[in-house]
Amino acid sequence: MNPLIEFCEQNLASGTAEIAEKAYFQEMSDIVTYSCLNECVLCAQRPFAIFEGELMAATSVAELEQALRQLVEEWHNDM
């Protein structure tokens, strides 16, 4: 069992596709991409994802990746 990370298809162009395609996240989490997550204002402004139901936004793709990586590691340590 792995944690769920959800991405908005519209936000992938902002760089979140890089995160979703990384082997680490492919192996350590379940990735789902939706056509829209109804976060249109945020989606237009910055990279974001939903980790286990919690909205995660960052000022850069690198910052979001680091935050998601930390959450995935914590999730696996707690299991």
PDB file of N, CA and C in Angstrom:
ATOM      1  N   MET A   1       0.844  -1.182   0.000  1.00  0.00           N
ATOM      2  CA  MET A   1       0.000   0.000   0.000  1.00  0.00           C
ATOM      3  C   MET A   1       0.887   1.243   0.000  1.00  0.00           C
ATOM      4  N   ASN A   2       0.491   2.213  -0.780  1.00  0.00           N
ATOM      5  CA  ASN A   2       1.248   3.457  -0.909  1.00  0.00           C
ATOM      6  C   ASN A   2       0.335   4.659  -0.704  1.00  0.00           C
ATOM      7  N   PRO A   3       0.915   5.813  -0.359  1.00  0.00           N
ATOM      8  CA  PRO A   3       0.101   7.020  -0.228  1.00  0.00           C
ATOM      9  C   PRO A   3      -0.372   7.497  -1.601  1.00  0.00           C
ATOM     10  N   LEU A   4      -1.489   8.182  -1.607  1.00  0.00           N
ATOM     11  CA  LEU A   4      -2.085   8.693  -2.841  1.00  0.00           C
ATOM     12  C   LEU A   4      -1.649  10.138  -3.076  1.00  0.00           C
ATOM     13  N   ILE A   5      -1.132  10.396  -4.279  1.00  0.00           N
ATOM     14  CA  ILE A   5      -0.814  11.758  -4.706  1.00  0.00           C
ATOM     15  C   ILE A   5      -1.641  12.036  -5.952  1.00  0.00           C
ATOM     16  N   GLU A   6      -2.428  13.112  -5.891  1.00  0.00           N
ATOM     17  CA  GLU A   6      -3.298  13.478  -7.001  1.00  0.00           C
ATOM     18  C   GLU A   6      -2.778  14.749  -7.674  1.00  0.00           C
ATOM     19  N   PHE A   7      -2.785  14.728  -8.997  1.00  0.00           N
ATOM     20  CA  PHE A   7      -2.350  15.874  -9.786  1.00  0.00           C
ATOM     21  C   PHE A   7      -3.477  16.318 -10.703  1.00  0.00           C
ATOM     22  N   CYS A   8      -3.494  17.613 -11.006  1.00  0.00           N
ATOM     23  CA  CYS A   8      -4.428  18.174 -11.979  1.00  0.00           C
ATOM     24  C   CYS A   8      -3.747  18.165 -13.341  1.00  0.00           C
ATOM     25  N   GLU A   9      -4.421  17.634 -14.332  1.00  0.00           N
ATOM     26  CA  GLU A   9      -3.867  17.584 -15.685  1.00  0.00           C
ATOM     27  C   GLU A   9      -3.492  18.977 -16.182  1.00  0.00           C
ATOM     28  N   GLN A  10      -4.278  19.963 -15.810  1.00  0.00           N
ATOM     29  CA  GLN A  10      -4.020  21.335 -16.249  1.00  0.00           C
ATOM     30  C   GLN A  10      -2.760  21.908 -15.608  1.00  0.00           C
ATOM     31  N   ASN A  11      -2.374  21.385 -14.455  1.00  0.00           N
ATOM     32  CA  ASN A  11      -1.213  21.886 -13.720  1.00  0.00           C
ATOM     33  C   ASN A  11       0.077  21.180 -14.127  1.00  0.00           C
ATOM     34  N   LEU A  12      -0.027  20.101 -14.882  1.00  0.00           N
ATOM     35  CA  LEU A  12       1.167  19.354 -15.285  1.00  0.00           C
ATOM     36  C   LEU A  12       2.130  20.223 -16.088  1.00  0.00           C
ATOM     37  N   ALA A  13       1.600  21.138 -16.879  1.00  0.00           N
ATOM     38  CA  ALA A  13       2.443  22.015 -17.693  1.00  0.00           C
ATOM     39  C   ALA A  13       3.273  22.966 -16.839  1.00  0.00           C
ATOM     40  N   SER A  14       2.852  23.204 -15.603  1.00  0.00           N
ATOM     41  CA  SER A  14       3.622  24.084 -14.719  1.00  0.00           C
ATOM     42  C   SER A  14       4.841  23.371 -14.156  1.00  0.00           C
ATOM     43  N   GLY A  15       4.983  22.096 -14.486  1.00  0.00           N
ATOM     44  CA  GLY A  15       6.159  21.350 -14.047  1.00  0.00           C
ATOM     45  C   GLY A  15       5.867  20.171 -13.154  1.00  0.00           C
ATOM     46  N   THR A  16       4.627  20.037 -12.718  1.00  0.00           N
ATOM     47  CA  THR A  16       4.327  18.915 -11.826  1.00  0.00           C
ATOM     48  C   THR A  16       4.432  17.573 -12.538  1.00  0.00           C
ATOM     49  N   ALA A  17       4.426  17.586 -13.864  1.00  0.00           N
ATOM     50  CA  ALA A  17       4.617  16.335 -14.613  1.00  0.00           C
ATOM     51  C   ALA A  17       5.974  15.727 -14.290  1.00  0.00           C
ATOM     52  N   GLU A  18       6.980  16.588 -14.062  1.00  0.00           N
ATOM     53  CA  GLU A  18       8.312  16.110 -13.679  1.00  0.00           C
ATOM     54  C   GLU A  18       8.246  15.278 -12.399  1.00  0.00           C
ATOM     55  N   ILE A  19       7.438  15.712 -11.462  1.00  0.00           N
ATOM     56  CA  ILE A  19       7.302  14.990 -10.194  1.00  0.00           C
ATOM     57  C   ILE A  19       6.573  13.676 -10.428  1.00  0.00           C
ATOM     58  N   ALA A  20       5.451  13.752 -11.113  1.00  0.00           N
ATOM     59  CA  ALA A  20       4.622  12.563 -11.331  1.00  0.00           C
ATOM     60  C   ALA A  20       5.372  11.469 -12.083  1.00  0.00           C
ATOM     61  N   GLU A  21       6.311  11.850 -12.931  1.00  0.00           N
ATOM     62  CA  GLU A  21       7.029  10.881 -13.753  1.00  0.00           C
ATOM     63  C   GLU A  21       8.295  10.338 -13.101  1.00  0.00           C
ATOM     64  N   LYS A  22       8.710  10.900 -11.973  1.00  0.00           N
ATOM     65  CA  LYS A  22       9.942  10.428 -11.325  1.00  0.00           C
ATOM     66  C   LYS A  22       9.757   9.016 -10.792  1.00  0.00           C
ATOM     67  N   ALA A  23      10.776   8.205 -10.963  1.00  0.00           N
ATOM     68  CA  ALA A  23      10.726   6.806 -10.532  1.00  0.00           C
ATOM     69  C   ALA A  23      10.430   6.697  -9.043  1.00  0.00           C
ATOM     70  N   TYR A  24      11.008   7.585  -8.235  1.00  0.00           N
ATOM     71  CA  TYR A  24      10.779   7.537  -6.787  1.00  0.00           C
ATOM     72  C   TYR A  24       9.285   7.595  -6.477  1.00  0.00           C
ATOM     73  N   PHE A  25       8.600   8.556  -7.065  1.00  0.00           N
ATOM     74  CA  PHE A  25       7.174   8.715  -6.784  1.00  0.00           C
ATOM     75  C   PHE A  25       6.350   7.602  -7.422  1.00  0.00           C
ATOM     76  N   GLN A  26       6.778   7.110  -8.579  1.00  0.00           N
ATOM     77  CA  GLN A  26       6.085   5.997  -9.223  1.00  0.00           C
ATOM     78  C   GLN A  26       6.138   4.744  -8.348  1.00  0.00           C
ATOM     79  N   GLU A  27       7.258   4.531  -7.677  1.00  0.00           N
ATOM     80  CA  GLU A  27       7.435   3.336  -6.849  1.00  0.00           C
ATOM     81  C   GLU A  27       6.872   3.489  -5.442  1.00  0.00           C
ATOM     82  N   MET A  28       6.987   4.681  -4.881  1.00  0.00           N
ATOM     83  CA  MET A  28       6.669   4.875  -3.472  1.00  0.00           C
ATOM     84  C   MET A  28       5.280   5.456  -3.215  1.00  0.00           C
ATOM     85  N   SER A  29       4.535   5.768  -4.277  1.00  0.00           N
ATOM     86  CA  SER A  29       3.200   6.337  -4.093  1.00  0.00           C
ATOM     87  C   SER A  29       2.299   5.904  -5.241  1.00  0.00           C
ATOM     88  N   ASP A  30       1.010   6.085  -5.036  1.00  0.00           N
ATOM     89  CA  ASP A  30       0.029   5.859  -6.093  1.00  0.00           C
ATOM     90  C   ASP A  30      -0.301   7.224  -6.684  1.00  0.00           C
ATOM     91  N   ILE A  31      -0.044   7.385  -7.963  1.00  0.00           N
ATOM     92  CA  ILE A  31      -0.241   8.662  -8.646  1.00  0.00           C
ATOM     93  C   ILE A  31      -1.515   8.597  -9.473  1.00  0.00           C
ATOM     94  N   VAL A  32      -2.366   9.603  -9.296  1.00  0.00           N
ATOM     95  CA  VAL A  32      -3.583   9.716 -10.095  1.00  0.00           C
ATOM     96  C   VAL A  32      -3.613  11.132 -10.673  1.00  0.00           C
ATOM     97  N   THR A  33      -3.891  11.227 -11.955  1.00  0.00           N
ATOM     98  CA  THR A  33      -4.024  12.526 -12.609  1.00  0.00           C
ATOM     99  C   THR A  33      -5.475  12.693 -13.049  1.00  0.00           C
ATOM    100  N   TYR A  34      -6.063  13.805 -12.631  1.00  0.00           N
ATOM    101  CA  TYR A  34      -7.443  14.124 -12.990  1.00  0.00           C
ATOM    102  C   TYR A  34      -7.456  15.254 -14.010  1.00  0.00           C
ATOM    103  N   SER A  35      -8.504  15.317 -14.796  1.00  0.00           N
ATOM    104  CA  SER A  35      -8.600  16.394 -15.779  1.00  0.00           C
ATOM    105  C   SER A  35      -8.740  17.750 -15.094  1.00  0.00           C
ATOM    106  N   CYS A  36      -9.359  17.773 -13.906  1.00  0.00           N
ATOM    107  CA  CYS A  36      -9.492  19.014 -13.141  1.00  0.00           C
ATOM    108  C   CYS A  36      -9.731  18.665 -11.678  1.00  0.00           C
ATOM    109  N   LEU A  37      -9.055  19.388 -10.793  1.00  0.00           N
ATOM    110  CA  LEU A  37      -9.253  19.197  -9.352  1.00  0.00           C
ATOM    111  C   LEU A  37     -10.019  20.365  -8.728  1.00  0.00           C
ATOM    112  N   ASN A  38     -10.595  21.230  -9.566  1.00  0.00           N
ATOM    113  CA  ASN A  38     -11.399  22.368  -9.112  1.00  0.00           C
ATOM    114  C   ASN A  38     -10.627  23.320  -8.201  1.00  0.00           C
ATOM    115  N   GLU A  39      -9.368  23.510  -8.503  1.00  0.00           N
ATOM    116  CA  GLU A  39      -8.515  24.480  -7.805  1.00  0.00           C
ATOM    117  C   GLU A  39      -7.944  25.434  -8.852  1.00  0.00           C
ATOM    118  N   CYS A  40      -8.814  25.969  -9.694  1.00  0.00           N
ATOM    119  CA  CYS A  40      -8.402  26.694 -10.898  1.00  0.00           C
ATOM    120  C   CYS A  40      -7.533  27.921 -10.615  1.00  0.00           C
ATOM    121  N   VAL A  41      -7.854  28.692  -9.600  1.00  0.00           N
ATOM    122  CA  VAL A  41      -7.050  29.879  -9.292  1.00  0.00           C
ATOM    123  C   VAL A  41      -5.649  29.450  -8.879  1.00  0.00           C
ATOM    124  N   LEU A  42      -5.567  28.511  -7.962  1.00  0.00           N
ATOM    125  CA  LEU A  42      -4.271  27.998  -7.518  1.00  0.00           C
ATOM    126  C   LEU A  42      -3.526  27.352  -8.677  1.00  0.00           C
ATOM    127  N   CYS A  43      -4.230  26.586  -9.469  1.00  0.00           N
ATOM    128  CA  CYS A  43      -3.648  25.876 -10.608  1.00  0.00           C
ATOM    129  C   CYS A  43      -2.976  26.846 -11.581  1.00  0.00           C
ATOM    130  N   ALA A  44      -3.570  27.998 -11.776  1.00  0.00           N
ATOM    131  CA  ALA A  44      -3.019  28.997 -12.689  1.00  0.00           C
ATOM    132  C   ALA A  44      -1.819  29.727 -12.091  1.00  0.00           C
ATOM    133  N   GLN A  45      -1.686  29.682 -10.766  1.00  0.00           N
ATOM    134  CA  GLN A  45      -0.651  30.466 -10.096  1.00  0.00           C
ATOM    135  C   GLN A  45       0.613  29.697  -9.750  1.00  0.00           C
ATOM    136  N   ARG A  46       0.485  28.422  -9.379  1.00  0.00           N
ATOM    137  CA  ARG A  46       1.655  27.705  -8.872  1.00  0.00           C
ATOM    138  C   ARG A  46       1.478  26.201  -8.956  1.00  0.00           C
ATOM    139  N   PRO A  47       2.573  25.460  -8.820  1.00  0.00           N
ATOM    140  CA  PRO A  47       2.476  24.001  -8.811  1.00  0.00           C
ATOM    141  C   PRO A  47       1.806  23.515  -7.525  1.00  0.00           C
ATOM    142  N   PHE A  48       0.965  22.493  -7.663  1.00  0.00           N
ATOM    143  CA  PHE A  48       0.314  21.921  -6.495  1.00  0.00           C
ATOM    144  C   PHE A  48      -0.024  20.462  -6.744  1.00  0.00           C
ATOM    145  N   ALA A  49      -0.310  19.775  -5.663  1.00  0.00           N
ATOM    146  CA  ALA A  49      -0.767  18.387  -5.705  1.00  0.00           C
ATOM    147  C   ALA A  49      -1.583  18.156  -4.447  1.00  0.00           C
ATOM    148  N   ILE A  50      -2.293  17.047  -4.426  1.00  0.00           N
ATOM    149  CA  ILE A  50      -3.038  16.661  -3.229  1.00  0.00           C
ATOM    150  C   ILE A  50      -2.426  15.366  -2.718  1.00  0.00           C
ATOM    151  N   PHE A  51      -1.918  15.417  -1.494  1.00  0.00           N
ATOM    152  CA  PHE A  51      -1.293  14.258  -0.868  1.00  0.00           C
ATOM    153  C   PHE A  51      -2.230  13.727   0.204  1.00  0.00           C
ATOM    154  N   GLU A  52      -2.739  12.522  -0.003  1.00  0.00           N
ATOM    155  CA  GLU A  52      -3.630  11.892   0.971  1.00  0.00           C
ATOM    156  C   GLU A  52      -4.743  12.845   1.411  1.00  0.00           C
ATOM    157  N   GLY A  53      -5.319  13.573   0.447  1.00  0.00           N
ATOM    158  CA  GLY A  53      -6.436  14.463   0.727  1.00  0.00           C
ATOM    159  C   GLY A  53      -6.051  15.863   1.160  1.00  0.00           C
ATOM    160  N   GLU A  54      -4.747  16.117   1.366  1.00  0.00           N
ATOM    161  CA  GLU A  54      -4.283  17.425   1.822  1.00  0.00           C
ATOM    162  C   GLU A  54      -3.668  18.193   0.655  1.00  0.00           C
ATOM    163  N   LEU A  55      -4.164  19.384   0.422  1.00  0.00           N
ATOM    164  CA  LEU A  55      -3.664  20.223  -0.659  1.00  0.00           C
ATOM    165  C   LEU A  55      -2.263  20.718  -0.331  1.00  0.00           C
ATOM    166  N   MET A  56      -1.346  20.508  -1.253  1.00  0.00           N
ATOM    167  CA  MET A  56       0.040  20.941  -1.094  1.00  0.00           C
ATOM    168  C   MET A  56       0.372  21.872  -2.254  1.00  0.00           C
ATOM    169  N   ALA A  57       0.764  23.102  -1.962  1.00  0.00           N
ATOM    170  CA  ALA A  57       1.153  24.050  -3.000  1.00  0.00           C
ATOM    171  C   ALA A  57       2.526  24.600  -2.656  1.00  0.00           C
ATOM    172  N   ALA A  58       3.258  25.007  -3.679  1.00  0.00           N
ATOM    173  CA  ALA A  58       4.601  25.532  -3.470  1.00  0.00           C
ATOM    174  C   ALA A  58       4.875  26.632  -4.485  1.00  0.00           C
ATOM    175  N   THR A  59       5.941  27.375  -4.241  1.00  0.00           N
ATOM    176  CA  THR A  59       6.303  28.443  -5.167  1.00  0.00           C
ATOM    177  C   THR A  59       7.096  27.920  -6.354  1.00  0.00           C
ATOM    178  N   SER A  60       7.644  26.708  -6.227  1.00  0.00           N
ATOM    179  CA  SER A  60       8.395  26.112  -7.335  1.00  0.00           C
ATOM    180  C   SER A  60       8.161  24.608  -7.367  1.00  0.00           C
ATOM    181  N   VAL A  61       8.459  24.008  -8.501  1.00  0.00           N
ATOM    182  CA  VAL A  61       8.328  22.557  -8.638  1.00  0.00           C
ATOM    183  C   VAL A  61       9.298  21.856  -7.693  1.00  0.00           C
ATOM    184  N   ALA A  62      10.514  22.384  -7.578  1.00  0.00           N
ATOM    185  CA  ALA A  62      11.514  21.781  -6.689  1.00  0.00           C
ATOM    186  C   ALA A  62      11.034  21.787  -5.240  1.00  0.00           C
ATOM    187  N   GLU A  63      10.422  22.879  -4.826  1.00  0.00           N
ATOM    188  CA  GLU A  63       9.901  22.985  -3.458  1.00  0.00           C
ATOM    189  C   GLU A  63       8.764  21.984  -3.234  1.00  0.00           C
ATOM    190  N   LEU A  64       7.879  21.857  -4.213  1.00  0.00           N
ATOM    191  CA  LEU A  64       6.776  20.901  -4.099  1.00  0.00           C
ATOM    192  C   LEU A  64       7.311  19.478  -4.061  1.00  0.00           C
ATOM    193  N   GLU A  65       8.282  19.182  -4.912  1.00  0.00           N
ATOM    194  CA  GLU A  65       8.863  17.842  -4.926  1.00  0.00           C
ATOM    195  C   GLU A  65       9.489  17.503  -3.578  1.00  0.00           C
ATOM    196  N   GLN A  66      10.224  18.438  -3.003  1.00  0.00           N
ATOM    197  CA  GLN A  66      10.859  18.207  -1.707  1.00  0.00           C
ATOM    198  C   GLN A  66       9.805  17.949  -0.631  1.00  0.00           C
ATOM    199  N   ALA A  67       8.742  18.740  -0.619  1.00  0.00           N
ATOM    200  CA  ALA A  67       7.682  18.568   0.374  1.00  0.00           C
ATOM    201  C   ALA A  67       6.988  17.217   0.201  1.00  0.00           C
ATOM    202  N   LEU A  68       6.694  16.844  -1.041  1.00  0.00           N
ATOM    203  CA  LEU A  68       6.035  15.561  -1.293  1.00  0.00           C
ATOM    204  C   LEU A  68       6.944  14.391  -0.932  1.00  0.00           C
ATOM    205  N   ARG A  69       8.227  14.514  -1.247  1.00  0.00           N
ATOM    206  CA  ARG A  69       9.179  13.449  -0.917  1.00  0.00           C
ATOM    207  C   ARG A  69       9.224  13.233   0.602  1.00  0.00           C
ATOM    208  N   GLN A  70       9.251  14.334   1.350  1.00  0.00           N
ATOM    209  CA  GLN A  70       9.271  14.244   2.809  1.00  0.00           C
ATOM    210  C   GLN A  70       7.988  13.588   3.327  1.00  0.00           C
ATOM    211  N   LEU A  71       6.848  13.969   2.776  1.00  0.00           N
ATOM    212  CA  LEU A  71       5.576  13.386   3.201  1.00  0.00           C
ATOM    213  C   LEU A  71       5.502  11.897   2.875  1.00  0.00           C
ATOM    214  N   VAL A  72       5.999  11.507   1.705  1.00  0.00           N
ATOM    215  CA  VAL A  72       6.002  10.092   1.322  1.00  0.00           C
ATOM    216  C   VAL A  72       6.877   9.299   2.287  1.00  0.00           C
ATOM    217  N   GLU A  73       8.061   9.826   2.599  1.00  0.00           N
ATOM    218  CA  GLU A  73       8.960   9.139   3.529  1.00  0.00           C
ATOM    219  C   GLU A  73       8.321   9.005   4.905  1.00  0.00           C
ATOM    220  N   GLU A  74       7.714  10.081   5.399  1.00  0.00           N
ATOM    221  CA  GLU A  74       7.044  10.041   6.704  1.00  0.00           C
ATOM    222  C   GLU A  74       5.899   9.038   6.686  1.00  0.00           C
ATOM    223  N   TRP A  75       5.145   9.017   5.591  1.00  0.00           N
ATOM    224  CA  TRP A  75       4.015   8.101   5.482  1.00  0.00           C
ATOM    225  C   TRP A  75       4.498   6.661   5.576  1.00  0.00           C
ATOM    226  N   HIS A  76       5.559   6.336   4.852  1.00  0.00           N
ATOM    227  CA  HIS A  76       6.085   4.969   4.873  1.00  0.00           C
ATOM    228  C   HIS A  76       6.694   4.623   6.233  1.00  0.00           C
ATOM    229  N   ASN A  77       7.327   5.583   6.896  1.00  0.00           N
ATOM    230  CA  ASN A  77       7.892   5.331   8.227  1.00  0.00           C
ATOM    231  C   ASN A  77       6.806   5.057   9.256  1.00  0.00           C
ATOM    232  N   ASP A  78       5.656   5.700   9.089  1.00  0.00           N
ATOM    233  CA  ASP A  78       4.542   5.518  10.027  1.00  0.00           C
ATOM    234  C   ASP A  78       3.784   4.218   9.795  1.00  0.00           C
ATOM    235  N   MET A  79       3.943   3.627   8.638  1.00  0.00           N
ATOM    236  CA  MET A  79       3.192   2.401   8.321  1.00  0.00           C
ATOM    237  C   MET A  79       3.875   1.188   8.835  1.00  0.00           C
TER     238      MET A  79
END
